[in-house]
């Protein structure tokens, strides 16, 4: 036997009071932060582990040329040289150059 079509629509509403709304907003904000911070922290950890592994192998076995140290040495000798190299490689990457200068100033 076929089911009869509904003759009326019943709507149920859940309304939150101000205190409940504030608590819900705090939960949503916490989840948003967690969803952003955890992947960034993981990516940073992986990058740091890779860099530390690279530096360790470099020190133990003279593994490869140390590209980063070459950049630091060149920058300390003449900041315009490394800026020109980065600009030539990455285009007009002012943000990268400024970030590199900030990193060297630490």
PDB file of N, CA and C in Angstrom:
ATOM      1  N   UNK A   1       0.842  -1.175   0.000  1.00  0.00           N
ATOM      2  CA  UNK A   1       0.000   0.000   0.000  1.00  0.00           C
ATOM      3  C   UNK A   1       0.891   1.242   0.000  1.00  0.00           C
ATOM      4  N   UNK A   2       0.700   2.184  -0.933  1.00  0.00           N
ATOM      5  CA  UNK A   2       1.540   3.375  -0.999  1.00  0.00           C
ATOM      6  C   UNK A   2       1.300   4.306   0.193  1.00  0.00           C
ATOM      7  N   UNK A   3       2.359   5.018   0.508  1.00  0.00           N
ATOM      8  CA  UNK A   3       2.289   5.952   1.636  1.00  0.00           C
ATOM      9  C   UNK A   3       1.578   7.230   1.204  1.00  0.00           C
ATOM     10  N   UNK A   4       0.745   7.752   2.057  1.00  0.00           N
ATOM     11  CA  UNK A   4      -0.014   8.970   1.735  1.00  0.00           C
ATOM     12  C   UNK A   4       0.896  10.193   1.803  1.00  0.00           C
ATOM     13  N   UNK A   5       0.625  11.166   0.941  1.00  0.00           N
ATOM     14  CA  UNK A   5       1.380  12.407   0.944  1.00  0.00           C
ATOM     15  C   UNK A   5       1.057  13.186   2.209  1.00  0.00           C
ATOM     16  N   UNK A   6       2.072  13.916   2.728  1.00  0.00           N
ATOM     17  CA  UNK A   6       1.792  14.698   3.938  1.00  0.00           C
ATOM     18  C   UNK A   6       0.816  15.842   3.646  1.00  0.00           C
ATOM     19  N   UNK A   7      -0.005  16.120   4.616  1.00  0.00           N
ATOM     20  CA  UNK A   7      -0.977  17.202   4.470  1.00  0.00           C
ATOM     21  C   UNK A   7      -0.531  18.461   5.205  1.00  0.00           C
ATOM     22  N   UNK A   8       0.476  18.332   6.040  1.00  0.00           N
ATOM     23  CA  UNK A   8       0.983  19.496   6.766  1.00  0.00           C
ATOM     24  C   UNK A   8       2.491  19.351   6.995  1.00  0.00           C
ATOM     25  N   UNK A   9       3.147  20.464   7.221  1.00  0.00           N
ATOM     26  CA  UNK A   9       4.576  20.482   7.498  1.00  0.00           C
ATOM     27  C   UNK A   9       4.762  20.996   8.913  1.00  0.00           C
ATOM     28  N   UNK A  10       5.499  20.238   9.696  1.00  0.00           N
ATOM     29  CA  UNK A  10       5.772  20.640  11.078  1.00  0.00           C
ATOM     30  C   UNK A  10       7.234  21.049  11.163  1.00  0.00           C
ATOM     31  N   UNK A  11       7.493  22.237  11.673  1.00  0.00           N
ATOM     32  CA  UNK A  11       8.851  22.772  11.792  1.00  0.00           C
ATOM     33  C   UNK A  11       9.236  22.760  13.259  1.00  0.00           C
ATOM     34  N   UNK A  12      10.414  22.205  13.540  1.00  0.00           N
ATOM     35  CA  UNK A  12      10.952  22.210  14.899  1.00  0.00           C
ATOM     36  C   UNK A  12      12.134  23.178  14.926  1.00  0.00           C
ATOM     37  N   UNK A  13      12.140  24.077  15.865  1.00  0.00           N
ATOM     38  CA  UNK A  13      13.223  25.051  15.982  1.00  0.00           C
ATOM     39  C   UNK A  13      13.912  24.876  17.321  1.00  0.00           C
ATOM     40  N   UNK A  14      15.223  24.978  17.276  1.00  0.00           N
ATOM     41  CA  UNK A  14      16.005  24.980  18.510  1.00  0.00           C
ATOM     42  C   UNK A  14      16.613  26.367  18.623  1.00  0.00           C
ATOM     43  N   UNK A  15      16.263  27.059  19.643  1.00  0.00           N
ATOM     44  CA  UNK A  15      16.770  28.409  19.838  1.00  0.00           C
ATOM     45  C   UNK A  15      17.730  28.412  21.018  1.00  0.00           C
ATOM     46  N   UNK A  16      18.843  29.094  20.839  1.00  0.00           N
ATOM     47  CA  UNK A  16      19.842  29.170  21.888  1.00  0.00           C
ATOM     48  C   UNK A  16      19.736  30.505  22.606  1.00  0.00           C
ATOM     49  N   UNK A  17      19.954  30.446  23.891  1.00  0.00           N
ATOM     50  CA  UNK A  17      20.014  31.686  24.645  1.00  0.00           C
ATOM     51  C   UNK A  17      21.414  32.263  24.485  1.00  0.00           C
ATOM     52  N   UNK A  18      21.607  33.462  25.013  1.00  0.00           N
ATOM     53  CA  UNK A  18      22.872  34.150  24.797  1.00  0.00           C
ATOM     54  C   UNK A  18      24.056  33.377  25.374  1.00  0.00           C
ATOM     55  N   UNK A  19      23.925  32.823  26.542  1.00  0.00           N
ATOM     56  CA  UNK A  19      25.010  32.084  27.184  1.00  0.00           C
ATOM     57  C   UNK A  19      25.375  30.845  26.351  1.00  0.00           C
ATOM     58  N   UNK A  20      24.368  30.141  25.891  1.00  0.00           N
ATOM     59  CA  UNK A  20      24.614  28.951  25.067  1.00  0.00           C
ATOM     60  C   UNK A  20      25.267  29.330  23.743  1.00  0.00           C
ATOM     61  N   UNK A  21      24.855  30.448  23.171  1.00  0.00           N
ATOM     62  CA  UNK A  21      25.428  30.924  21.920  1.00  0.00           C
ATOM     63  C   UNK A  21      26.903  31.269  22.103  1.00  0.00           C
ATOM     64  N   UNK A  22      27.260  31.904  23.233  1.00  0.00           N
ATOM     65  CA  UNK A  22      28.658  32.231  23.520  1.00  0.00           C
ATOM     66  C   UNK A  22      29.506  30.964  23.654  1.00  0.00           C
ATOM     67  N   UNK A  23      28.951  29.957  24.337  1.00  0.00           N
ATOM     68  CA  UNK A  23      29.680  28.704  24.490  1.00  0.00           C
ATOM     69  C   UNK A  23      29.888  28.018  23.138  1.00  0.00           C
ATOM     70  N   UNK A  24      28.867  28.040  22.305  1.00  0.00           N
ATOM     71  CA  UNK A  24      28.978  27.438  20.982  1.00  0.00           C
ATOM     72  C   UNK A  24      30.008  28.178  20.129  1.00  0.00           C
ATOM     73  N   UNK A  25      30.037  29.499  20.216  1.00  0.00           N
ATOM     74  CA  UNK A  25      31.030  30.277  19.474  1.00  0.00           C
ATOM     75  C   UNK A  25      32.440  29.944  19.936  1.00  0.00           C
ATOM     76  N   UNK A  26      32.632  29.736  21.248  1.00  0.00           N
ATOM     77  CA  UNK A  26      33.948  29.366  21.773  1.00  0.00           C
ATOM     78  C   UNK A  26      34.377  28.001  21.234  1.00  0.00           C
ATOM     79  N   UNK A  27      33.448  27.069  21.173  1.00  0.00           N
ATOM     80  CA  UNK A  27      33.752  25.731  20.647  1.00  0.00           C
ATOM     81  C   UNK A  27      34.126  25.820  19.175  1.00  0.00           C
ATOM     82  N   UNK A  28      33.377  26.575  18.411  1.00  0.00           N
ATOM     83  CA  UNK A  28      33.649  26.716  16.978  1.00  0.00           C
ATOM     84  C   UNK A  28      35.010  27.386  16.762  1.00  0.00           C
ATOM     85  N   UNK A  29      35.317  28.411  17.540  1.00  0.00           N
ATOM     86  CA  UNK A  29      36.607  29.090  17.414  1.00  0.00           C
ATOM     87  C   UNK A  29      37.745  28.136  17.764  1.00  0.00           C
ATOM     88  N   UNK A  30      37.569  27.342  18.802  1.00  0.00           N
ATOM     89  CA  UNK A  30      38.590  26.368  19.184  1.00  0.00           C
ATOM     90  C   UNK A  30      38.831  25.332  18.098  1.00  0.00           C
ATOM     91  N   UNK A  31      37.772  24.857  17.480  1.00  0.00           N
ATOM     92  CA  UNK A  31      37.911  23.884  16.392  1.00  0.00           C
ATOM     93  C   UNK A  31      38.610  24.516  15.194  1.00  0.00           C
ATOM     94  N   UNK A  32      38.295  25.760  14.905  1.00  0.00           N
ATOM     95  CA  UNK A  32      38.927  26.449  13.782  1.00  0.00           C
ATOM     96  C   UNK A  32      40.423  26.587  14.025  1.00  0.00           C
ATOM     97  N   UNK A  33      40.797  26.998  15.215  1.00  0.00           N
ATOM     98  CA  UNK A  33      42.217  27.141  15.553  1.00  0.00           C
ATOM     99  C   UNK A  33      42.904  25.782  15.449  1.00  0.00           C
ATOM    100  N   UNK A  34      42.270  24.755  15.976  1.00  0.00           N
ATOM    101  CA  UNK A  34      42.858  23.414  15.923  1.00  0.00           C
ATOM    102  C   UNK A  34      43.054  22.960  14.475  1.00  0.00           C
ATOM    103  N   UNK A  35      42.074  23.240  13.633  1.00  0.00           N
ATOM    104  CA  UNK A  35      42.160  22.823  12.239  1.00  0.00           C
ATOM    105  C   UNK A  35      43.241  23.572  11.466  1.00  0.00           C
ATOM    106  N   UNK A  36      43.631  24.750  11.931  1.00  0.00           N
ATOM    107  CA  UNK A  36      44.669  25.524  11.254  1.00  0.00           C
ATOM    108  C   UNK A  36      46.040  25.244  11.874  1.00  0.00           C
ATOM    109  N   UNK A  37      46.124  25.248  13.198  1.00  0.00           N
ATOM    110  CA  UNK A  37      47.406  25.155  13.884  1.00  0.00           C
ATOM    111  C   UNK A  37      48.034  23.769  13.738  1.00  0.00           C
ATOM    112  N   UNK A  38      47.251  22.713  13.853  1.00  0.00           N
ATOM    113  CA  UNK A  38      47.823  21.363  13.803  1.00  0.00           C
ATOM    114  C   UNK A  38      48.527  21.093  12.472  1.00  0.00           C
ATOM    115  N   UNK A  39      47.911  21.350  11.311  1.00  0.00           N
ATOM    116  CA  UNK A  39      48.653  21.109  10.065  1.00  0.00           C
ATOM    117  C   UNK A  39      49.898  21.994   9.915  1.00  0.00           C
ATOM    118  N   UNK A  40      49.812  23.235  10.368  1.00  0.00           N
ATOM    119  CA  UNK A  40      50.977  24.117  10.279  1.00  0.00           C
ATOM    120  C   UNK A  40      52.099  23.599  11.177  1.00  0.00           C
ATOM    121  N   UNK A  41      51.747  23.139  12.382  1.00  0.00           N
ATOM    122  CA  UNK A  41      52.753  22.602  13.297  1.00  0.00           C
ATOM    123  C   UNK A  41      53.379  21.329  12.733  1.00  0.00           C
ATOM    124  N   UNK A  42      52.572  20.483  12.129  1.00  0.00           N
ATOM    125  CA  UNK A  42      53.102  19.256  11.536  1.00  0.00           C
ATOM    126  C   UNK A  42      54.048  19.587  10.393  1.00  0.00           C
ATOM    127  N   UNK A  43      53.641  20.507   9.532  1.00  0.00           N
ATOM    128  CA  UNK A  43      54.504  20.899   8.409  1.00  0.00           C
ATOM    129  C   UNK A  43      55.809  21.512   8.916  1.00  0.00           C
ATOM    130  N   UNK A  44      55.707  22.345   9.945  1.00  0.00           N
ATOM    131  CA  UNK A  44      56.919  22.936  10.522  1.00  0.00           C
ATOM    132  C   UNK A  44      57.818  21.887  11.148  1.00  0.00           C
ATOM    133  N   UNK A  45      57.222  20.919  11.822  1.00  0.00           N
ATOM    134  CA  UNK A  45      57.997  19.840  12.434  1.00  0.00           C
ATOM    135  C   UNK A  45      58.705  18.989  11.391  1.00  0.00           C
ATOM    136  N   UNK A  46      58.002  18.673  10.324  1.00  0.00           N
ATOM    137  CA  UNK A  46      58.605  17.878   9.252  1.00  0.00           C
ATOM    138  C   UNK A  46      59.745  18.656   8.607  1.00  0.00           C
ATOM    139  N   UNK A  47      59.524  19.943   8.355  1.00  0.00           N
ATOM    140  CA  UNK A  47      60.584  20.771   7.783  1.00  0.00           C
ATOM    141  C   UNK A  47      61.791  20.868   8.702  1.00  0.00           C
ATOM    142  N   UNK A  48      61.535  21.068   9.999  1.00  0.00           N
ATOM    143  CA  UNK A  48      62.633  21.170  10.965  1.00  0.00           C
ATOM    144  C   UNK A  48      63.389  19.845  11.069  1.00  0.00           C
ATOM    145  N   UNK A  49      62.660  18.727  11.092  1.00  0.00           N
ATOM    146  CA  UNK A  49      63.313  17.420  11.170  1.00  0.00           C
ATOM    147  C   UNK A  49      64.167  17.170   9.927  1.00  0.00           C
ATOM    148  N   UNK A  50      63.646  17.534   8.767  1.00  0.00           N
ATOM    149  CA  UNK A  50      64.417  17.376   7.542  1.00  0.00           C
ATOM    150  C   UNK A  50      65.678  18.215   7.554  1.00  0.00           C
ATOM    151  N   UNK A  51      65.545  19.455   8.011  1.00  0.00           N
ATOM    152  CA  UNK A  51      66.698  20.349   8.062  1.00  0.00           C
ATOM    153  C   UNK A  51      67.738  19.837   9.056  1.00  0.00           C
ATOM    154  N   UNK A  52      67.271  19.403  10.240  1.00  0.00           N
ATOM    155  CA  UNK A  52      68.213  18.885  11.236  1.00  0.00           C
ATOM    156  C   UNK A  52      68.894  17.610  10.741  1.00  0.00           C
ATOM    157  N   UNK A  53      68.139  16.759  10.050  1.00  0.00           N
ATOM    158  CA  UNK A  53      68.740  15.558   9.475  1.00  0.00           C
ATOM    159  C   UNK A  53      69.790  15.916   8.434  1.00  0.00           C
ATOM    160  N   UNK A  54      69.476  16.885   7.606  1.00  0.00           N
ATOM    161  CA  UNK A  54      70.417  17.354   6.587  1.00  0.00           C
ATOM    162  C   UNK A  54      71.688  17.882   7.236  1.00  0.00           C
ATOM    163  N   UNK A  55      71.526  18.738   8.259  1.00  0.00           N
ATOM    164  CA  UNK A  55      72.692  19.315   8.920  1.00  0.00           C
ATOM    165  C   UNK A  55      73.519  18.239   9.619  1.00  0.00           C
ATOM    166  N   UNK A  56      72.847  17.249  10.215  1.00  0.00           N
ATOM    167  CA  UNK A  56      73.558  16.167  10.889  1.00  0.00           C
ATOM    168  C   UNK A  56      74.381  15.365   9.896  1.00  0.00           C
ATOM    169  N   UNK A  57      73.780  14.973   8.784  1.00  0.00           N
ATOM    170  CA  UNK A  57      74.512  14.226   7.758  1.00  0.00           C
ATOM    171  C   UNK A  57      75.638  15.054   7.166  1.00  0.00           C
ATOM    172  N   UNK A  58      75.411  16.335   7.030  1.00  0.00           N
ATOM    173  CA  UNK A  58      76.445  17.228   6.501  1.00  0.00           C
ATOM    174  C   UNK A  58      77.647  17.234   7.431  1.00  0.00           C
ATOM    175  N   UNK A  59      77.394  17.335   8.744  1.00  0.00           N
ATOM    176  CA  UNK A  59      78.484  17.381   9.714  1.00  0.00           C
ATOM    177  C   UNK A  59      79.187  16.025   9.835  1.00  0.00           C
ATOM    178  N   UNK A  60      78.419  14.939   9.804  1.00  0.00           N
ATOM    179  CA  UNK A  60      79.011  13.621  10.016  1.00  0.00           C
ATOM    180  C   UNK A  60      79.802  13.136   8.810  1.00  0.00           C
ATOM    181  N   UNK A  61      79.272  13.338   7.617  1.00  0.00           N
ATOM    182  CA  UNK A  61      79.862  12.728   6.440  1.00  0.00           C
ATOM    183  C   UNK A  61      80.308  13.718   5.371  1.00  0.00           C
ATOM    184  N   UNK A  62      80.168  15.010   5.623  1.00  0.00           N
ATOM    185  CA  UNK A  62      80.483  15.980   4.578  1.00  0.00           C
ATOM    186  C   UNK A  62      79.628  15.717   3.348  1.00  0.00           C
ATOM    187  N   UNK A  63      78.345  15.462   3.609  1.00  0.00           N
ATOM    188  CA  UNK A  63      77.403  14.899   2.662  1.00  0.00           C
ATOM    189  C   UNK A  63      77.255  15.706   1.386  1.00  0.00           C
ATOM    190  N   UNK A  64      76.923  16.978   1.491  1.00  0.00           N
ATOM    191  CA  UNK A  64      76.707  17.826   0.321  1.00  0.00           C
ATOM    192  C   UNK A  64      77.237  19.223   0.610  1.00  0.00           C
ATOM    193  N   UNK A  65      77.154  20.058  -0.379  1.00  0.00           N
ATOM    194  CA  UNK A  65      77.464  21.465  -0.163  1.00  0.00           C
ATOM    195  C   UNK A  65      76.357  22.070   0.688  1.00  0.00           C
ATOM    196  N   UNK A  66      76.718  22.948   1.569  1.00  0.00           N
ATOM    197  CA  UNK A  66      75.725  23.569   2.445  1.00  0.00           C
ATOM    198  C   UNK A  66      75.197  24.835   1.783  1.00  0.00           C
ATOM    199  N   UNK A  67      74.100  24.691   1.060  1.00  0.00           N
ATOM    200  CA  UNK A  67      73.537  25.790   0.287  1.00  0.00           C
ATOM    201  C   UNK A  67      73.117  26.946   1.193  1.00  0.00           C
ATOM    202  N   UNK A  68      72.479  26.621   2.291  1.00  0.00           N
ATOM    203  CA  UNK A  68      71.966  27.671   3.185  1.00  0.00           C
ATOM    204  C   UNK A  68      73.124  28.465   3.780  1.00  0.00           C
ATOM    205  N   UNK A  69      74.180  27.777   4.205  1.00  0.00           N
ATOM    206  CA  UNK A  69      75.326  28.487   4.770  1.00  0.00           C
ATOM    207  C   UNK A  69      75.987  29.367   3.722  1.00  0.00           C
ATOM    208  N   UNK A  70      76.013  28.902   2.470  1.00  0.00           N
ATOM    209  CA  UNK A  70      76.549  29.743   1.394  1.00  0.00           C
ATOM    210  C   UNK A  70      75.731  31.023   1.253  1.00  0.00           C
ATOM    211  N   UNK A  71      74.403  30.901   1.330  1.00  0.00           N
ATOM    212  CA  UNK A  71      73.541  32.085   1.241  1.00  0.00           C
ATOM    213  C   UNK A  71      73.839  33.047   2.375  1.00  0.00           C
ATOM    214  N   UNK A  72      73.988  32.497   3.593  1.00  0.00           N
ATOM    215  CA  UNK A  72      74.252  33.345   4.763  1.00  0.00           C
ATOM    216  C   UNK A  72      75.587  34.070   4.582  1.00  0.00           C
ATOM    217  N   UNK A  73      76.614  33.337   4.154  1.00  0.00           N
ATOM    218  CA  UNK A  73      77.928  33.958   3.966  1.00  0.00           C
ATOM    219  C   UNK A  73      77.890  35.040   2.888  1.00  0.00           C
ATOM    220  N   UNK A  74      77.228  34.741   1.770  1.00  0.00           N
ATOM    221  CA  UNK A  74      77.126  35.728   0.699  1.00  0.00           C
ATOM    222  C   UNK A  74      76.363  36.961   1.159  1.00  0.00           C
ATOM    223  N   UNK A  75      75.291  36.741   1.923  1.00  0.00           N
ATOM    224  CA  UNK A  75      74.484  37.868   2.387  1.00  0.00           C
ATOM    225  C   UNK A  75      75.284  38.748   3.340  1.00  0.00           C
ATOM    226  N   UNK A  76      76.051  38.116   4.218  1.00  0.00           N
ATOM    227  CA  UNK A  76      76.839  38.908   5.166  1.00  0.00           C
ATOM    228  C   UNK A  76      77.914  39.717   4.435  1.00  0.00           C
ATOM    229  N   UNK A  77      78.443  39.168   3.364  1.00  0.00           N
ATOM    230  CA  UNK A  77      79.456  39.903   2.587  1.00  0.00           C
ATOM    231  C   UNK A  77      78.816  41.030   1.781  1.00  0.00           C
ATOM    232  N   UNK A  78      77.727  40.729   1.094  1.00  0.00           N
ATOM    233  CA  UNK A  78      77.066  41.726   0.259  1.00  0.00           C
ATOM    234  C   UNK A  78      75.581  41.386   0.150  1.00  0.00           C
ATOM    235  N   UNK A  79      74.717  42.068   0.904  1.00  0.00           N
ATOM    236  CA  UNK A  79      73.288  41.750   0.905  1.00  0.00           C
ATOM    237  C   UNK A  79      72.638  41.847  -0.468  1.00  0.00           C
ATOM    238  N   UNK A  80      73.159  42.692  -1.333  1.00  0.00           N
ATOM    239  CA  UNK A  80      72.533  42.860  -2.650  1.00  0.00           C
ATOM    240  C   UNK A  80      72.747  41.639  -3.542  1.00  0.00           C
ATOM    241  N   UNK A  81      73.835  40.893  -3.314  1.00  0.00           N
ATOM    242  CA  UNK A  81      74.124  39.726  -4.145  1.00  0.00           C
ATOM    243  C   UNK A  81      73.044  38.673  -3.957  1.00  0.00           C
ATOM    244  N   UNK A  82      72.739  38.333  -2.701  1.00  0.00           N
ATOM    245  CA  UNK A  82      71.739  37.294  -2.457  1.00  0.00           C
ATOM    246  C   UNK A  82      70.354  37.774  -2.873  1.00  0.00           C
ATOM    247  N   UNK A  83      70.057  39.047  -2.667  1.00  0.00           N
ATOM    248  CA  UNK A  83      68.764  39.581  -3.093  1.00  0.00           C
ATOM    249  C   UNK A  83      68.627  39.466  -4.606  1.00  0.00           C
ATOM    250  N   UNK A  84      69.697  39.754  -5.335  1.00  0.00           N
ATOM    251  CA  UNK A  84      69.663  39.652  -6.792  1.00  0.00           C
ATOM    252  C   UNK A  84      69.498  38.206  -7.226  1.00  0.00           C
ATOM    253  N   UNK A  85      70.195  37.273  -6.540  1.00  0.00           N
ATOM    254  CA  UNK A  85      70.069  35.853  -6.884  1.00  0.00           C
ATOM    255  C   UNK A  85      68.644  35.367  -6.638  1.00  0.00           C
ATOM    256  N   UNK A  86      68.072  35.733  -5.502  1.00  0.00           N
ATOM    257  CA  UNK A  86      66.705  35.309  -5.205  1.00  0.00           C
ATOM    258  C   UNK A  86      65.720  35.917  -6.192  1.00  0.00           C
ATOM    259  N   UNK A  87      65.906  37.188  -6.522  1.00  0.00           N
ATOM    260  CA  UNK A  87      65.011  37.835  -7.473  1.00  0.00           C
ATOM    261  C   UNK A  87      65.134  37.199  -8.848  1.00  0.00           C
ATOM    262  N   UNK A  88      66.363  36.826  -9.233  1.00  0.00           N
ATOM    263  CA  UNK A  88      66.556  36.189 -10.535  1.00  0.00           C
ATOM    264  C   UNK A  88      65.909  34.812 -10.574  1.00  0.00           C
ATOM    265  N   UNK A  89      65.969  34.105  -9.439  1.00  0.00           N
ATOM    266  CA  UNK A  89      65.433  32.744  -9.406  1.00  0.00           C
ATOM    267  C   UNK A  89      63.921  32.724  -9.231  1.00  0.00           C
ATOM    268  N   UNK A  90      63.391  33.587  -8.373  1.00  0.00           N
ATOM    269  CA  UNK A  90      61.972  33.557  -8.034  1.00  0.00           C
ATOM    270  C   UNK A  90      61.182  34.732  -8.580  1.00  0.00           C
ATOM    271  N   UNK A  91      61.781  35.573  -9.363  1.00  0.00           N
ATOM    272  CA  UNK A  91      61.082  36.750  -9.855  1.00  0.00           C
ATOM    273  C   UNK A  91      61.153  37.851  -8.814  1.00  0.00           C
ATOM    274  N   UNK A  92      60.331  38.867  -8.970  1.00  0.00           N
ATOM    275  CA  UNK A  92      60.375  39.975  -8.001  1.00  0.00           C
ATOM    276  C   UNK A  92      59.765  39.535  -6.673  1.00  0.00           C
ATOM    277  N   UNK A  93      60.512  38.732  -5.935  1.00  0.00           N
ATOM    278  CA  UNK A  93      60.002  38.131  -4.695  1.00  0.00           C
ATOM    279  C   UNK A  93      60.449  38.949  -3.500  1.00  0.00           C
ATOM    280  N   UNK A  94      59.907  40.119  -3.375  1.00  0.00           N
ATOM    281  CA  UNK A  94      60.282  40.985  -2.265  1.00  0.00           C
ATOM    282  C   UNK A  94      59.995  40.365  -0.923  1.00  0.00           C
ATOM    283  N   UNK A  95      58.887  39.624  -0.809  1.00  0.00           N
ATOM    284  CA  UNK A  95      58.535  38.987   0.460  1.00  0.00           C
ATOM    285  C   UNK A  95      59.553  37.951   0.875  1.00  0.00           C
ATOM    286  N   UNK A  96      60.053  37.184  -0.077  1.00  0.00           N
ATOM    287  CA  UNK A  96      61.042  36.162   0.231  1.00  0.00           C
ATOM    288  C   UNK A  96      62.335  36.813   0.693  1.00  0.00           C
ATOM    289  N   UNK A  97      62.742  37.856   0.004  1.00  0.00           N
ATOM    290  CA  UNK A  97      63.987  38.529   0.364  1.00  0.00           C
ATOM    291  C   UNK A  97      63.861  39.153   1.749  1.00  0.00           C
ATOM    292  N   UNK A  98      62.740  39.813   2.022  1.00  0.00           N
ATOM    293  CA  UNK A  98      62.546  40.410   3.349  1.00  0.00           C
ATOM    294  C   UNK A  98      62.520  39.332   4.420  1.00  0.00           C
ATOM    295  N   UNK A  99      61.876  38.205   4.143  1.00  0.00           N
ATOM    296  CA  UNK A  99      61.840  37.106   5.107  1.00  0.00           C
ATOM    297  C   UNK A  99      63.223  36.547   5.358  1.00  0.00           C
ATOM    298  N   UNK A 100      64.031  36.453   4.309  1.00  0.00           N
ATOM    299  CA  UNK A 100      65.386  35.949   4.453  1.00  0.00           C
ATOM    300  C   UNK A 100      66.221  36.917   5.283  1.00  0.00           C
ATOM    301  N   UNK A 101      66.062  38.203   5.049  1.00  0.00           N
ATOM    302  CA  UNK A 101      66.790  39.207   5.845  1.00  0.00           C
ATOM    303  C   UNK A 101      66.387  39.116   7.312  1.00  0.00           C
ATOM    304  N   UNK A 102      65.085  38.934   7.558  1.00  0.00           N
ATOM    305  CA  UNK A 102      64.611  38.799   8.941  1.00  0.00           C
ATOM    306  C   UNK A 102      65.218  37.570   9.590  1.00  0.00           C
ATOM    307  N   UNK A 103      65.255  36.446   8.848  1.00  0.00           N
ATOM    308  CA  UNK A 103      65.803  35.197   9.386  1.00  0.00           C
ATOM    309  C   UNK A 103      67.274  35.374   9.756  1.00  0.00           C
ATOM    310  N   UNK A 104      68.031  36.071   8.931  1.00  0.00           N
ATOM    311  CA  UNK A 104      69.445  36.262   9.206  1.00  0.00           C
ATOM    312  C   UNK A 104      69.676  37.205  10.381  1.00  0.00           C
ATOM    313  N   UNK A 105      68.715  38.043  10.684  1.00  0.00           N
ATOM    314  CA  UNK A 105      68.896  38.995  11.774  1.00  0.00           C
ATOM    315  C   UNK A 105      68.639  38.368  13.142  1.00  0.00           C
ATOM    316  N   UNK A 106      68.151  37.137  13.185  1.00  0.00           N
ATOM    317  CA  UNK A 106      67.865  36.491  14.479  1.00  0.00           C
ATOM    318  C   UNK A 106      69.112  36.135  15.234  1.00  0.00           C
TER     319      UNK A 106
END
